[in-house]
Protein backbone atom coordinates (compact mmCIF):
# COMPACT_ATOMS: atom_id res chain seq x y z
CA UNK A 1 0.00 0.00 0.00
CA UNK A 2 1.34 3.39 -0.99
CA UNK A 3 1.49 6.02 1.70
CA UNK A 4 -0.29 9.25 0.85
CA UNK A 5 1.32 12.60 1.25
CA UNK A 6 -0.54 14.65 3.89
CA UNK A 7 -2.58 17.55 2.54
CA UNK A 8 -0.91 20.92 2.36
CA UNK A 9 -1.44 22.89 5.53
CA UNK A 10 -2.46 26.48 5.03
CA UNK A 11 -0.60 29.08 7.00
CA UNK A 12 2.87 30.47 7.07
CA UNK A 13 5.86 30.38 9.38
CA UNK A 14 5.00 33.91 10.55
CA UNK A 15 1.52 32.81 11.66
CA UNK A 16 -0.55 34.32 8.86
CA UNK A 17 -3.39 32.30 7.40
CA UNK A 18 -3.32 33.46 3.77
CA UNK A 19 -6.57 31.79 2.68
CA UNK A 20 -8.42 33.48 5.52
CA UNK A 21 -6.70 36.84 5.09
CA UNK A 22 -8.00 36.96 1.50
CA UNK A 23 -11.63 36.78 2.70
CA UNK A 24 -13.98 39.68 3.42
CA UNK A 25 -14.17 38.77 7.12
CA UNK A 26 -10.52 37.88 7.53
CA UNK A 27 -10.29 38.58 11.28
CA UNK A 28 -13.22 36.33 12.12
CA UNK A 29 -12.12 33.51 9.84
CA UNK A 30 -8.58 33.64 11.22
CA UNK A 31 -9.98 33.32 14.74
CA UNK A 32 -12.32 30.53 13.63
CA UNK A 33 -9.33 28.50 12.41
CA UNK A 34 -7.35 29.18 15.57
CA UNK A 35 -10.32 28.15 17.71
CA UNK A 36 -10.55 24.85 15.83
CA UNK A 37 -6.82 24.24 16.29
CA UNK A 38 -7.02 25.12 19.98
CA UNK A 39 -9.96 22.72 20.39
CA UNK A 40 -7.95 19.99 18.69
CA UNK A 41 -4.97 20.73 20.92
CA UNK A 42 -7.20 20.44 24.00
CA UNK A 43 -8.60 17.11 22.81
CA UNK A 44 -5.11 15.87 21.99
CA UNK A 45 -3.90 16.92 25.43
CA UNK A 46 -6.59 14.74 27.01
CA UNK A 47 -5.25 11.82 24.97
CA UNK A 48 -1.58 12.48 25.72
CA UNK A 49 -0.83 14.07 22.32
CA UNK A 50 0.81 17.50 22.45
CA UNK A 51 -0.59 19.49 19.54
CA UNK A 52 -0.11 22.76 21.42
CA UNK A 53 3.62 22.68 20.72
CA UNK A 54 3.60 20.88 17.37
CA UNK A 55 5.55 22.69 14.66
CA UNK A 56 5.77 21.76 10.99
CA UNK A 57 9.23 21.37 9.46
CA UNK A 58 8.87 24.81 7.85
CA UNK A 59 7.96 26.48 11.18
CA UNK A 60 4.16 26.72 11.18
CA UNK A 61 2.52 26.26 14.57
CA UNK A 62 -0.43 27.17 16.73
CA UNK A 63 1.77 29.56 18.72
CA UNK A 64 2.83 31.40 15.54
CA UNK A 65 -0.82 31.88 14.60
CA UNK A 66 -1.65 33.22 18.04
CA UNK A 67 1.40 35.50 18.05
CA UNK A 68 0.33 36.89 14.69
CA UNK A 69 -3.15 37.71 16.01
CA UNK A 70 -2.27 38.84 19.55
CA UNK A 71 -1.18 42.42 18.69
CA UNK A 72 -4.75 43.04 17.50
CA UNK A 73 -6.02 42.58 21.06
CA UNK A 74 -5.23 46.28 21.44
CA UNK A 75 -8.47 48.12 20.74
CA UNK A 76 -6.81 50.93 18.76
CA UNK A 77 -4.68 48.63 16.58
CA UNK A 78 -6.10 48.61 13.06
CA UNK A 79 -6.57 45.26 11.35
CA UNK A 80 -4.70 45.70 8.04
CA UNK A 81 -6.67 43.12 6.05
CA UNK A 82 -10.12 43.18 4.52
CA UNK A 83 -12.83 43.14 7.17
CA UNK A 84 -16.35 44.27 6.28
CA UNK A 85 -17.34 44.82 9.90
CA UNK A 86 -15.55 45.66 13.14
CA UNK A 87 -13.29 42.81 14.35
CA UNK A 88 -14.55 41.04 17.48
CA UNK A 89 -11.60 41.38 19.82
CA UNK A 90 -13.50 39.61 22.61
CA UNK A 91 -13.29 36.37 20.62
CA UNK A 92 -9.53 36.88 20.35
CA UNK A 93 -9.38 37.41 24.11
CA UNK A 94 -11.14 34.08 24.69
CA UNK A 95 -8.53 32.28 22.58
CA UNK A 96 -5.65 34.03 24.31
CA UNK A 97 -7.17 33.13 27.68
CA UNK A 98 -7.11 29.45 26.72
CA UNK A 99 -3.68 29.47 25.07
CA UNK A 100 -1.66 31.61 27.51
CA UNK A 101 -1.14 28.84 30.10
CA UNK A 102 0.24 26.53 27.41
CA UNK A 103 2.86 29.08 26.33
CA UNK A 104 4.10 30.79 29.50
CA UNK A 105 7.30 31.90 27.74
CA UNK A 106 5.31 33.83 25.12
CA UNK A 107 3.71 37.26 25.26
CA UNK A 108 0.15 35.89 25.03
CA UNK A 109 -0.61 36.59 28.70
CA UNK A 110 0.56 40.17 28.24
CA UNK A 111 -1.94 40.58 25.39
CA UNK A 112 -4.70 39.70 27.87
CA UNK A 113 -3.97 42.96 29.68
CA UNK A 114 -5.93 44.66 26.87
CA UNK A 115 -9.13 43.13 28.24
CA UNK A 116 -11.05 43.72 31.46
CA UNK A 117 -11.13 40.67 33.72
CA UNK A 118 -14.93 40.91 33.87
CA UNK A 119 -15.18 40.27 30.14
CA UNK A 120 -14.29 36.63 30.80
CA UNK A 121 -16.15 36.13 34.09
CA UNK A 122 -19.04 34.30 32.42
CA UNK A 123 -16.97 32.57 29.77
CA UNK A 124 -18.09 29.02 29.06
CA UNK A 125 -14.49 28.25 28.10
CA UNK A 126 -13.39 28.86 31.68
CA UNK A 127 -15.65 26.01 32.78
CA UNK A 128 -14.52 23.60 30.07
CA UNK A 129 -10.81 24.30 29.63
CA UNK A 130 -7.67 25.27 31.47
CA UNK A 131 -7.34 29.06 31.13
CA UNK A 132 -5.12 31.87 32.26
CA UNK A 133 -6.06 33.65 35.49
CA UNK A 134 -8.54 36.41 34.81
CA UNK A 135 -7.57 38.75 37.62
CA UNK A 136 -4.92 40.42 35.44
CA UNK A 137 -5.14 44.10 36.19
CA UNK A 138 -8.43 43.71 38.03
CA UNK A 139 -9.23 45.57 41.21
CA UNK A 140 -11.68 45.03 44.00
CA UNK A 141 -14.34 47.53 45.08
CA UNK A 142 -11.78 49.58 47.05
CA UNK A 143 -9.58 49.94 43.94
CA UNK A 144 -6.89 47.62 45.35
CA UNK A 145 -5.73 44.37 43.72
CA UNK A 146 -7.52 41.27 45.04
CA UNK A 147 -5.78 39.61 47.99
CA UNK A 148 -7.08 36.13 47.23
CA UNK A 149 -8.49 34.31 44.20
CA UNK A 150 -11.94 34.19 45.82
CA UNK A 151 -12.14 37.78 47.07
CA UNK A 152 -15.41 39.34 46.04
CA UNK A 153 -17.13 36.07 45.17
CA UNK A 154 -20.52 35.75 46.85
CA UNK A 155 -21.48 32.37 48.25
C-alpha cells in the first residue's frame, strides 16, 4: 500500500493564514481557524498528544498563529486586512485566555492585559478548559488588587 502525502497545511511560518486573510471577514475567519486548532490541541492533550507545541518542518505552529493575532487585542490597533465589519476582539481574548497557560514563555498573557477581567467572568471556556487567570489588572471595590483568588465572590 502506498502512503499518501498529507494535505498541504495552510498558513505560514510567521503565523498568517493566507486563505483566511483573503476573505472579506478575515479577522473572524482567522480566529475561527485558531479556535478549531485550539480545540484539537485540548482534545489531543486529554489523549496524551501534544498538539499545542507541534511545529511543521517549515515552522508553522499554533503559537505562531496566536502570536500573529495577539497584537490586535489592542483596541486601537487597526486590522490591516479586509474586514467588512468591526473585528470582534472579545473572541480573540477568549482564545488568548485558553492558550496563555500553554505558552508561559510567550507574550500571550501580556496581550490579555488589553481586556477587562470581567469580560471573561461568564466565559463558558473557563468552565470547560484550562485558562489563564482572569484577575490580570483587576481591582476590588476599594480599587486595590484582590488579595485572594476568591475575594469578592458571593457564596
